[in-house]
C-alpha atoms as a PDB file:
ATOM      1  CA  MET A   1      -4.323   3.787  -6.144  1.00  0.00           C
ATOM      2  CA  THR A   2      -1.966   1.139  -7.435  1.00  0.00           C
ATOM      3  CA  SER A   3      -0.728  -2.166  -6.135  1.00  0.00           C
ATOM      4  CA  SER A   4       2.297  -2.571  -8.423  1.00  0.00           C
ATOM      5  CA  ALA A   5       5.233  -4.209  -6.652  1.00  0.00           C
ATOM      6  CA  TRP A   6       8.253  -2.270  -5.454  1.00  0.00           C
ATOM      7  CA  SER A   7      11.461  -4.054  -4.513  1.00  0.00           C
ATOM      8  CA  PRO A   8      13.954  -2.041  -2.436  1.00  0.00           C
ATOM      9  CA  LYS A   9      17.640  -2.196  -3.222  1.00  0.00           C
ATOM     10  CA  ARG A  10      19.811  -3.882  -0.619  1.00  0.00           C
ATOM     11  CA  LEU A  11      21.786  -1.338   1.391  1.00  0.00           C
ATOM     12  CA  SER A  12      25.406  -1.428   2.466  1.00  0.00           C
ATOM     13  CA  PHE A  13      25.721  -0.296   6.075  1.00  0.00           C
ATOM     14  CA  ASN A  14      28.906   1.405   7.211  1.00  0.00           C
ATOM     15  CA  ARG A  15      29.550   0.594  10.847  1.00  0.00           C
ATOM     16  CA  ASN A  16      31.893   3.605  11.145  1.00  0.00           C
ATOM     17  CA  ASP A  17      29.517   6.343  10.030  1.00  0.00           C
ATOM     18  CA  GLY A  18      27.509   6.323  13.252  1.00  0.00           C
ATOM     19  CA  LEU A  19      24.218   6.240  11.325  1.00  0.00           C
ATOM     20  CA  PRO A  20      21.614   3.822  12.687  1.00  0.00           C
ATOM     21  CA  LYS A  21      20.429   1.258  10.157  1.00  0.00           C
ATOM     22  CA  TYR A  22      16.797   2.304  10.499  1.00  0.00           C
ATOM     23  CA  ILE A  23      17.701   5.889   9.509  1.00  0.00           C
ATOM     24  CA  ALA A  24      19.497   4.638   6.396  1.00  0.00           C
ATOM     25  CA  ILE A  25      16.439   2.558   5.486  1.00  0.00           C
ATOM     26  CA  ALA A  26      14.106   5.511   6.087  1.00  0.00           C
ATOM     27  CA  ARG A  27      16.254   7.632   3.773  1.00  0.00           C
ATOM     28  CA  ALA A  28      16.187   4.916   1.101  1.00  0.00           C
ATOM     29  CA  ILE A  29      12.383   4.694   1.172  1.00  0.00           C
ATOM     30  CA  ALA A  30      12.083   8.503   1.195  1.00  0.00           C
ATOM     31  CA  ALA A  31      14.357   8.659  -1.862  1.00  0.00           C
ATOM     32  CA  ALA A  32      12.143   6.116  -3.633  1.00  0.00           C
ATOM     33  CA  VAL A  33       9.142   8.375  -2.984  1.00  0.00           C
ATOM     34  CA  ARG A  34      11.045  11.445  -4.152  1.00  0.00           C
ATOM     35  CA  ASP A  35      12.141   9.692  -7.352  1.00  0.00           C
ATOM     36  CA  GLU A  36       8.570   8.384  -7.897  1.00  0.00           C
ATOM     37  CA  GLU A  37       9.609   4.751  -7.636  1.00  0.00           C
ATOM     38  CA  LEU A  38       6.935   4.738  -4.939  1.00  0.00           C
ATOM     39  CA  ILE A  39       3.841   6.829  -5.684  1.00  0.00           C
ATOM     40  CA  PRO A  40       0.986   8.046  -3.456  1.00  0.00           C
ATOM     41  CA  GLY A  41      -1.332   5.191  -2.546  1.00  0.00           C
ATOM     42  CA  GLN A  42       1.191   2.483  -3.326  1.00  0.00           C
ATOM     43  CA  VAL A  43       1.438  -0.252  -0.696  1.00  0.00           C
ATOM     44  CA  LEU A  44       4.891  -1.218   0.551  1.00  0.00           C
ATOM     45  CA  PRO A  45       5.950  -4.861   0.756  1.00  0.00           C
ATOM     46  CA  ALA A  46       5.353  -6.581   4.088  1.00  0.00           C
ATOM     47  CA  GLN A  47       7.794  -5.699   6.851  1.00  0.00           C
ATOM     48  CA  ARG A  48       9.306  -9.173   6.830  1.00  0.00           C
ATOM     49  CA  GLU A  49       9.905  -8.907   3.076  1.00  0.00           C
ATOM     50  CA  LEU A  50      11.485  -5.472   3.527  1.00  0.00           C
ATOM     51  CA  ALA A  51      13.701  -6.830   6.289  1.00  0.00           C
ATOM     52  CA  GLU A  52      14.970  -9.601   4.015  1.00  0.00           C
ATOM     53  CA  SER A  53      15.583  -7.174   1.147  1.00  0.00           C
ATOM     54  CA  PHE A  54      17.498  -4.700   3.321  1.00  0.00           C
ATOM     55  CA  GLY A  55      19.294  -7.411   5.264  1.00  0.00           C
ATOM     56  CA  VAL A  56      18.080  -6.254   8.681  1.00  0.00           C
ATOM     57  CA  THR A  57      15.621  -7.344  11.361  1.00  0.00           C
ATOM     58  CA  VAL A  58      11.892  -6.688  11.241  1.00  0.00           C
ATOM     59  CA  MET A  59      12.297  -4.405  14.272  1.00  0.00           C
ATOM     60  CA  THR A  60      14.733  -2.199  12.334  1.00  0.00           C
ATOM     61  CA  VAL A  61      12.292  -1.900   9.439  1.00  0.00           C
ATOM     62  CA  ARG A  62       9.512  -1.074  11.906  1.00  0.00           C
ATOM     63  CA  GLN A  63      11.627   1.760  13.334  1.00  0.00           C
ATOM     64  CA  ALA A  64      12.209   3.174   9.842  1.00  0.00           C
ATOM     65  CA  ILE A  65       8.487   3.068   9.053  1.00  0.00           C
ATOM     66  CA  THR A  66       7.741   4.846  12.328  1.00  0.00           C
ATOM     67  CA  VAL A  67      10.111   7.666  11.371  1.00  0.00           C
ATOM     68  CA  LEU A  68       8.514   8.072   7.939  1.00  0.00           C
ATOM     69  CA  THR A  69       5.021   7.935   9.415  1.00  0.00           C
ATOM     70  CA  GLU A  70       5.880  10.728  11.844  1.00  0.00           C
ATOM     71  CA  GLN A  71       7.197  12.739   8.891  1.00  0.00           C
ATOM     72  CA  GLY A  72       3.898  12.298   7.031  1.00  0.00           C
ATOM     73  CA  LEU A  73       5.408  10.227   4.222  1.00  0.00           C
ATOM     74  CA  LEU A  74       3.785   6.877   5.055  1.00  0.00           C
ATOM     75  CA  THR A  75       0.712   5.655   6.909  1.00  0.00           C
ATOM     76  CA  SER A  76      -0.527   2.239   8.029  1.00  0.00           C
ATOM     77  CA  GLU A  77      -4.022   0.780   8.107  1.00  0.00           C
ATOM     78  CA  GLN A  78      -5.067  -2.540   9.550  1.00  0.00           C
ATOM     79  CA  GLY A  79      -5.882  -4.977   6.776  1.00  0.00           C
ATOM     80  CA  ARG A  80      -4.205  -2.822   4.141  1.00  0.00           C
ATOM     81  CA  GLY A  81      -0.637  -2.456   5.283  1.00  0.00           C
ATOM     82  CA  THR A  82       1.733   0.493   4.958  1.00  0.00           C
ATOM     83  CA  TYR A  83       1.351   2.806   1.987  1.00  0.00           C
ATOM     84  CA  VAL A  84       2.629   6.123   0.642  1.00  0.00           C
ATOM     85  CA  LEU A  85       0.699   9.265   1.491  1.00  0.00           C
ATOM     86  CA  ALA A  86       0.010  11.987  -1.055  1.00  0.00           C
ATOM     87  CA  GLN A  87       2.375  14.873  -0.359  1.00  0.00           C
ATOM     88  CA  PRO A  88       1.219  18.449   0.213  1.00  0.00           C
ATOM     89  CA  PHE A  89       1.072  20.782  -2.766  1.00  0.00           C
ATOM     90  CA  ARG A  90       3.915  23.313  -2.564  1.00  0.00           C
ATOM     91  CA  LEU A  91       2.517  26.813  -3.029  1.00  0.00           C
ATOM     92  CA  PRO A  92       5.259  29.365  -3.728  1.00  0.00           C
ATOM     93  CA  MET A  93       4.973  32.817  -2.161  1.00  0.00           C
ATOM     94  CA  GLY A  94       6.926  34.842  -4.643  1.00  0.00           C
ATOM     95  CA  ARG A  95       5.977  35.851  -8.171  1.00  0.00           C
ATOM     96  CA  LEU A  96       2.301  36.838  -8.432  1.00  0.00           C
ATOM     97  CA  ALA A  97       0.602  34.116 -10.456  1.00  0.00           C
ATOM     98  CA  SER A  98      -2.774  32.454 -10.704  1.00  0.00           C
ATOM     99  CA  LEU A  99      -3.373  29.139  -8.976  1.00  0.00           C
ATOM    100  CA  ALA A 100      -3.999  27.624 -12.400  1.00  0.00           C
ATOM    101  CA  ASP A 101      -0.479  28.571 -13.515  1.00  0.00           C
ATOM    102  CA  GLN A 102       1.096  27.276 -10.318  1.00  0.00           C
ATOM    103  CA  VAL A 103      -0.704  23.939 -10.450  1.00  0.00           C
ATOM    104  CA  ALA A 104       0.066  23.508 -14.158  1.00  0.00           C
ATOM    105  CA  ALA A 105       3.751  24.163 -13.462  1.00  0.00           C
ATOM    106  CA  SER A 106       3.721  21.360 -10.884  1.00  0.00           C
ATOM    107  CA  GLY A 107       2.399  18.873 -13.435  1.00  0.00           C
ATOM    108  CA  ARG A 108      -0.896  18.402 -11.619  1.00  0.00           C
ATOM    109  CA  THR A 109      -4.449  18.992 -12.817  1.00  0.00           C
ATOM    110  CA  LEU A 110      -6.666  21.803 -11.555  1.00  0.00           C
ATOM    111  CA  ARG A 111     -10.465  21.814 -11.665  1.00  0.00           C
ATOM    112  CA  THR A 112     -12.618  24.740 -10.581  1.00  0.00           C
ATOM    113  CA  ASP A 113     -16.231  24.440  -9.425  1.00  0.00           C
ATOM    114  CA  VAL A 114     -18.090  27.767  -9.211  1.00  0.00           C
ATOM    115  CA  LEU A 115     -20.314  27.550  -6.130  1.00  0.00           C
ATOM    116  CA  GLY A 116     -21.758  31.048  -6.225  1.00  0.00           C
ATOM    117  CA  PHE A 117     -21.573  34.356  -8.079  1.00  0.00           C
ATOM    118  CA  GLY A 118     -23.618  37.492  -7.518  1.00  0.00           C
ATOM    119  CA  LEU A 119     -23.841  41.078  -6.310  1.00  0.00           C
ATOM    120  CA  ILE A 120     -23.792  41.484  -2.505  1.00  0.00           C
ATOM    121  CA  GLU A 121     -23.543  44.230   0.098  1.00  0.00           C
ATOM    122  CA  VAL A 122     -20.074  44.333   1.617  1.00  0.00           C
ATOM    123  CA  SER A 123     -18.979  45.466   5.065  1.00  0.00           C
ATOM    124  CA  PRO A 124     -17.543  48.960   5.636  1.00  0.00           C
ATOM    125  CA  LEU A 125     -14.098  47.441   6.129  1.00  0.00           C
ATOM    126  CA  GLU A 126     -14.309  45.542   2.844  1.00  0.00           C
ATOM    127  CA  GLN A 127     -15.474  48.681   1.071  1.00  0.00           C
ATOM    128  CA  GLN A 128     -12.520  50.580   2.514  1.00  0.00           C
ATOM    129  CA  ARG A 129     -10.005  47.841   1.641  1.00  0.00           C
ATOM    130  CA  MET A 130     -11.066  47.871  -1.997  1.00  0.00           C
ATOM    131  CA  GLY A 131     -11.661  51.616  -2.281  1.00  0.00           C
ATOM    132  CA  LEU A 132     -15.230  51.115  -3.514  1.00  0.00           C
ATOM    133  CA  ASP A 133     -17.553  54.074  -4.088  1.00  0.00           C
ATOM    134  CA  VAL A 134     -20.561  52.072  -2.890  1.00  0.00           C
ATOM    135  CA  PRO A 135     -20.829  49.149  -0.413  1.00  0.00           C
ATOM    136  CA  GLU A 136     -21.488  46.638  -3.176  1.00  0.00           C
ATOM    137  CA  ALA A 137     -19.307  44.079  -4.936  1.00  0.00           C
ATOM    138  CA  TYR A 138     -19.619  40.819  -6.796  1.00  0.00           C
ATOM    139  CA  GLU A 139     -18.910  37.764  -4.666  1.00  0.00           C
ATOM    140  CA  LEU A 140     -17.367  34.761  -6.404  1.00  0.00           C
ATOM    141  CA  VAL A 141     -17.122  31.477  -4.454  1.00  0.00           C
ATOM    142  CA  ARG A 142     -15.045  28.665  -5.952  1.00  0.00           C
ATOM    143  CA  LEU A 143     -13.901  25.223  -4.899  1.00  0.00           C
ATOM    144  CA  ARG A 144     -10.493  24.458  -6.430  1.00  0.00           C
ATOM    145  CA  LEU A 145      -9.588  20.772  -6.811  1.00  0.00           C
ATOM    146  CA  VAL A 146      -6.088  19.448  -7.517  1.00  0.00           C
ATOM    147  CA  ASP A 147      -5.986  15.993  -9.106  1.00  0.00           C
ATOM    148  CA  GLY A 148      -9.649  15.598  -8.194  1.00  0.00           C
ATOM    149  CA  GLU A 149      -9.194  16.328  -4.465  1.00  0.00           C
ATOM    150  CA  PRO A 150     -10.621  19.501  -2.841  1.00  0.00           C
ATOM    151  CA  PHE A 151      -7.721  21.874  -2.255  1.00  0.00           C
ATOM    152  CA  ILE A 152      -8.879  25.463  -1.762  1.00  0.00           C
ATOM    153  CA  LEU A 153     -12.210  27.038  -0.871  1.00  0.00           C
ATOM    154  CA  GLN A 154     -11.930  30.536  -2.263  1.00  0.00           C
ATOM    155  CA  THR A 155     -14.121  33.630  -1.967  1.00  0.00           C
ATOM    156  CA  SER A 156     -13.286  36.631  -4.150  1.00  0.00           C
ATOM    157  CA  LEU A 157     -14.799  40.108  -4.055  1.00  0.00           C
ATOM    158  CA  LEU A 158     -14.762  42.033  -7.338  1.00  0.00           C
ATOM    159  CA  PRO A 159     -15.702  45.657  -8.087  1.00  0.00           C
ATOM    160  CA  ARG A 160     -19.042  46.007  -9.908  1.00  0.00           C
ATOM    161  CA  GLU A 161     -17.425  46.972 -13.223  1.00  0.00           C
ATOM    162  CA  ILE A 162     -15.407  43.758 -13.210  1.00  0.00           C
ATOM    163  CA  GLY A 163     -18.117  41.476 -11.901  1.00  0.00           C
ATOM    164  CA  THR A 164     -20.669  42.746 -14.410  1.00  0.00           C
ATOM    165  CA  ALA A 165     -18.391  41.894 -17.331  1.00  0.00           C
ATOM    166  CA  LEU A 166     -17.211  38.547 -15.970  1.00  0.00           C
ATOM    167  CA  ASP A 167     -18.364  35.224 -17.420  1.00  0.00           C
ATOM    168  CA  ALA A 168     -18.435  33.060 -14.293  1.00  0.00           C
ATOM    169  CA  GLU A 169     -18.832  29.818 -16.253  1.00  0.00           C
ATOM    170  CA  ALA A 170     -15.557  30.494 -18.061  1.00  0.00           C
ATOM    171  CA  LEU A 171     -13.784  30.308 -14.696  1.00  0.00           C
ATOM    172  CA  GLN A 172     -14.199  26.538 -14.745  1.00  0.00           C
ATOM    173  CA  GLU A 173     -11.575  26.413 -17.494  1.00  0.00           C
ATOM    174  CA  ARG A 174      -9.604  29.665 -17.204  1.00  0.00           C
ATOM    175  CA  SER A 175      -8.035  31.782 -14.468  1.00  0.00           C
ATOM    176  CA  LEU A 176      -9.655  34.912 -13.071  1.00  0.00           C
ATOM    177  CA  TYR A 177      -6.558  37.002 -13.833  1.00  0.00           C
ATOM    178  CA  GLU A 178      -6.619  35.822 -17.450  1.00  0.00           C
ATOM    179  CA  LEU A 179     -10.302  36.677 -17.944  1.00  0.00           C
ATOM    180  CA  ILE A 180      -9.890  40.116 -16.388  1.00  0.00           C
ATOM    181  CA  ALA A 181      -6.902  40.849 -18.617  1.00  0.00           C
ATOM    182  CA  GLU A 182      -8.520  39.669 -21.856  1.00  0.00           C
ATOM    183  CA  GLY A 183     -12.034  40.935 -21.209  1.00  0.00           C
ATOM    184  CA  LEU A 184     -11.303  44.310 -19.608  1.00  0.00           C
ATOM    185  CA  GLY A 185      -7.669  44.977 -20.402  1.00  0.00           C
ATOM    186  CA  ILE A 186      -6.871  45.056 -16.680  1.00  0.00           C
ATOM    187  CA  ARG A 187      -3.557  43.460 -15.745  1.00  0.00           C
ATOM    188  CA  VAL A 188      -2.615  42.675 -12.184  1.00  0.00           C
ATOM    189  CA  ALA A 189       0.677  44.112 -10.956  1.00  0.00           C
ATOM    190  CA  ARG A 190       1.027  43.307  -7.268  1.00  0.00           C
ATOM    191  CA  ALA A 191      -0.760  41.972  -4.206  1.00  0.00           C
ATOM    192  CA  ASN A 192      -0.646  42.213  -0.430  1.00  0.00           C
ATOM    193  CA  GLU A 193      -1.107  38.764   1.101  1.00  0.00           C
ATOM    194  CA  THR A 194      -1.257  37.455   4.643  1.00  0.00           C
ATOM    195  CA  VAL A 195      -1.531  33.815   5.758  1.00  0.00           C
ATOM    196  CA  GLN A 196      -2.766  32.781   9.183  1.00  0.00           C
ATOM    197  CA  ALA A 197      -3.760  29.620  11.008  1.00  0.00           C
ATOM    198  CA  THR A 198      -7.428  28.813  11.543  1.00  0.00           C
ATOM    199  CA  ALA A 199      -9.792  25.835  11.884  1.00  0.00           C
ATOM    200  CA  LEU A 200     -12.440  24.453   9.544  1.00  0.00           C
ATOM    201  CA  ASP A 201     -16.086  25.148  10.362  1.00  0.00           C
ATOM    202  CA  HIS A 202     -18.988  22.889   9.342  1.00  0.00           C
ATOM    203  CA  GLU A 203     -19.468  24.415   5.886  1.00  0.00           C
ATOM    204  CA  SER A 204     -15.811  24.584   4.876  1.00  0.00           C
ATOM    205  CA  ALA A 205     -15.055  21.126   6.308  1.00  0.00           C
ATOM    206  CA  SER A 206     -17.889  19.605   4.292  1.00  0.00           C
ATOM    207  CA  LEU A 207     -16.735  21.188   1.041  1.00  0.00           C
ATOM    208  CA  LEU A 208     -13.072  20.288   1.614  1.00  0.00           C
ATOM    209  CA  ARG A 209     -14.029  16.751   2.733  1.00  0.00           C
ATOM    210  CA  ARG A 210     -12.387  17.186   6.113  1.00  0.00           C
ATOM    211  CA  ARG A 211     -13.456  17.020   9.749  1.00  0.00           C
ATOM    212  CA  VAL A 212     -14.820  20.044  11.587  1.00  0.00           C
ATOM    213  CA  GLY A 213     -12.101  21.740  13.618  1.00  0.00           C
ATOM    214  CA  GLU A 214      -9.179  20.462  11.533  1.00  0.00           C
ATOM    215  CA  PRO A 215      -6.266  22.941  11.224  1.00  0.00           C
ATOM    216  CA  ALA A 216      -6.294  25.104   8.110  1.00  0.00           C
ATOM    217  CA  LEU A 217      -4.523  28.036   6.507  1.00  0.00           C
ATOM    218  CA  LEU A 218      -6.443  31.185   5.626  1.00  0.00           C
ATOM    219  CA  SER A 219      -4.895  33.418   2.986  1.00  0.00           C
ATOM    220  CA  SER A 220      -6.089  37.006   2.552  1.00  0.00           C
ATOM    221  CA  ARG A 221      -4.895  38.600  -0.675  1.00  0.00           C
ATOM    222  CA  LEU A 222      -5.703  42.072  -2.001  1.00  0.00           C
ATOM    223  CA  THR A 223      -4.633  42.346  -5.646  1.00  0.00           C
ATOM    224  CA  PHE A 224      -3.973  45.621  -7.464  1.00  0.00           C
ATOM    225  CA  SER A 225      -3.879  46.537 -11.153  1.00  0.00           C
ATOM    226  CA  GLU A 226      -1.056  48.370 -12.904  1.00  0.00           C
ATOM    227  CA  GLN A 227      -3.039  51.546 -12.166  1.00  0.00           C
ATOM    228  CA  GLU A 228      -2.930  50.756  -8.410  1.00  0.00           C
ATOM    229  CA  VAL A 229      -6.663  49.993  -8.270  1.00  0.00           C
ATOM    230  CA  ALA A 230      -7.842  47.088  -6.101  1.00  0.00           C
ATOM    231  CA  VAL A 231      -9.363  44.500  -8.452  1.00  0.00           C
ATOM    232  CA  VAL A 232      -9.716  41.315  -6.344  1.00  0.00           C
ATOM    233  CA  ASP A 233     -10.100  40.803  -2.590  1.00  0.00           C
ATOM    234  CA  ASP A 234      -9.530  37.091  -1.931  1.00  0.00           C
ATOM    235  CA  ARG A 235     -10.060  34.742   0.990  1.00  0.00           C
ATOM    236  CA  ALA A 236      -8.635  31.253   0.381  1.00  0.00           C
ATOM    237  CA  LEU A 237      -9.026  28.422   2.870  1.00  0.00           C
ATOM    238  CA  THR A 238      -6.831  25.316   2.636  1.00  0.00           C
ATOM    239  CA  ALA A 239      -6.650  22.251   4.884  1.00  0.00           C
ATOM    240  CA  GLY A 240      -3.429  22.454   6.858  1.00  0.00           C
ATOM    241  CA  ASP A 241      -1.949  19.149   5.693  1.00  0.00           C
ATOM    242  CA  SER A 242      -2.634  19.675   1.983  1.00  0.00           C
ATOM    243  CA  VAL A 243      -0.281  22.587   1.290  1.00  0.00           C
ATOM    244  CA  VAL A 244       3.221  23.803   2.093  1.00  0.00           C
ATOM    245  CA  VAL A 245       3.817  27.533   1.648  1.00  0.00           C
ATOM    246  CA  SER A 246       7.333  28.228   0.415  1.00  0.00           C
ATOM    247  CA  ALA A 247       9.366  31.287  -0.497  1.00  0.00           C
ATOM    248  CA  GLU A 248      12.849  32.043  -1.727  1.00  0.00           C
ATOM    249  CA  ARG A 249      14.350  34.651   0.579  1.00  0.00           C
ATOM    250  CA  GLN A 250      17.424  36.656  -0.342  1.00  0.00           C
ATOM    251  CA  ALA A 251      19.465  39.129   1.660  1.00  0.00           C
ATOM    252  CA  PRO A 252      19.457  42.035   2.065  1.00  0.00           C
ATOM    253  CA  ASP A 253      15.998  42.585   0.613  1.00  0.00           C
ATOM    254  CA  SER A 254      13.064  40.626   2.062  1.00  0.00           C
ATOM    255  CA  VAL A 255       9.598  40.250   0.586  1.00  0.00           C
ATOM    256  CA  LEU A 256       8.175  38.529   3.678  1.00  0.00           C
ATOM    257  CA  SER A 257       7.371  39.983   7.068  1.00  0.00           C
ATOM    258  CA  LEU A 258       6.367  38.362  10.339  1.00  0.00           C
ATOM    259  CA  LEU A 259       3.731  39.956  12.562  1.00  0.00           C
ATOM    260  CA  LEU A 260       2.440  38.862  15.920  1.00  0.00           C
ATOM    261  CA  SER A 261      -1.324  38.379  15.800  1.00  0.00           C
ATOM    262  CA  ASP A 262      -1.838  41.153  18.363  1.00  0.00           C
ATOM    263  CA  ASP A 263      -0.066  43.557  16.017  1.00  0.00           C
ATOM    264  CA  ALA A 264      -2.301  42.674  13.065  1.00  0.00           C
ATOM    265  CA  PRO A 265      -5.887  43.010  14.372  1.00  0.00           C
ATOM    266  CA  ASP A 266      -7.336  43.306  10.865  1.00  0.00           C
ATOM    267  CA  LEU A 267      -6.536  39.632  10.221  1.00  0.00           C
ATOM    268  CA  ALA A 268      -9.052  38.438  12.781  1.00  0.00           C
ATOM    269  CA  ASP A 269     -11.741  41.060  12.112  1.00  0.00           C
ATOM    270  CA  SER A 270     -15.158  39.431  12.509  1.00  0.00           C
ATOM    271  CA  SER A 271     -16.531  41.461   9.603  1.00  0.00           C
ATOM    272  CA  LEU A 272     -14.399  39.405   7.227  1.00  0.00           C
ATOM    273  CA  PRO A 273     -15.887  35.898   7.436  1.00  0.00           C
ATOM    274  CA  PHE A 274     -14.552  33.477   4.886  1.00  0.00           C
ATOM    275  CA  MET A 275     -17.975  32.217   3.829  1.00  0.00           C
ATOM    276  CA  ARG A 276     -21.134  34.254   4.030  1.00  0.00           C
ATOM    277  CA  GLY A 277     -23.560  31.362   4.094  1.00  0.00           C
ATOM    278  CA  ASN A 278     -26.706  32.031   2.056  1.00  0.00           C
ATOM    279  CA  ARG A 279     -26.161  35.747   1.787  1.00  0.00           C
END
């Protein structure tokens, strides 16, 4: 958090453009956030001071702040004032890449805490999804933090031959894809991924520092090697307001598909819980 002062530039309002003054002010503040003149946690000047700087009434400033609050850009707390909210991390759904690579490309810092790693018995559906000879796989549970804040609670199932050779402690500094490639010569080639809405239970809410029942996104990703062998079966849970999933879509080819939940019963299968508790 920072309390460094920010002074808005006075705006020129065109009476013929039909744009309300409060919208112009909202756009000016939003631009300051976009250009990092205002950063997450920074407190805005008092409304009266903003009104004098913009050359409008306090009521007009209040309307602009309301718009930006509804858009999730600002928030107000009694005794603290109005300040800038941290914006969701934009997670691209395109080129297959590790979270570490995506976070690094955004200029943020990723930390990984390994919460659990060991051989478990998997469900028949999980065994079928991964094409395993036996109903056993290594379960890897990680908490991924971006800039020190919990971001993703991730459970990964790995075939025995991969899990046996994996150094779990190294995952605190390096990506899973990187370790698999360097240690076993296995390179990932593609993945099937679905994202659906869910709600945080007691365990996931505690780890993500959220309230029970808050909206969340659950990603299910099955990753294949260049030899078309399933190497990682992921479940990744993210608080709904901490991430924006984005994709570049080009015609005529499309890499995204939309299914109604009733047409995709495997997404809600009870044999695929995100966390397995103490198992």
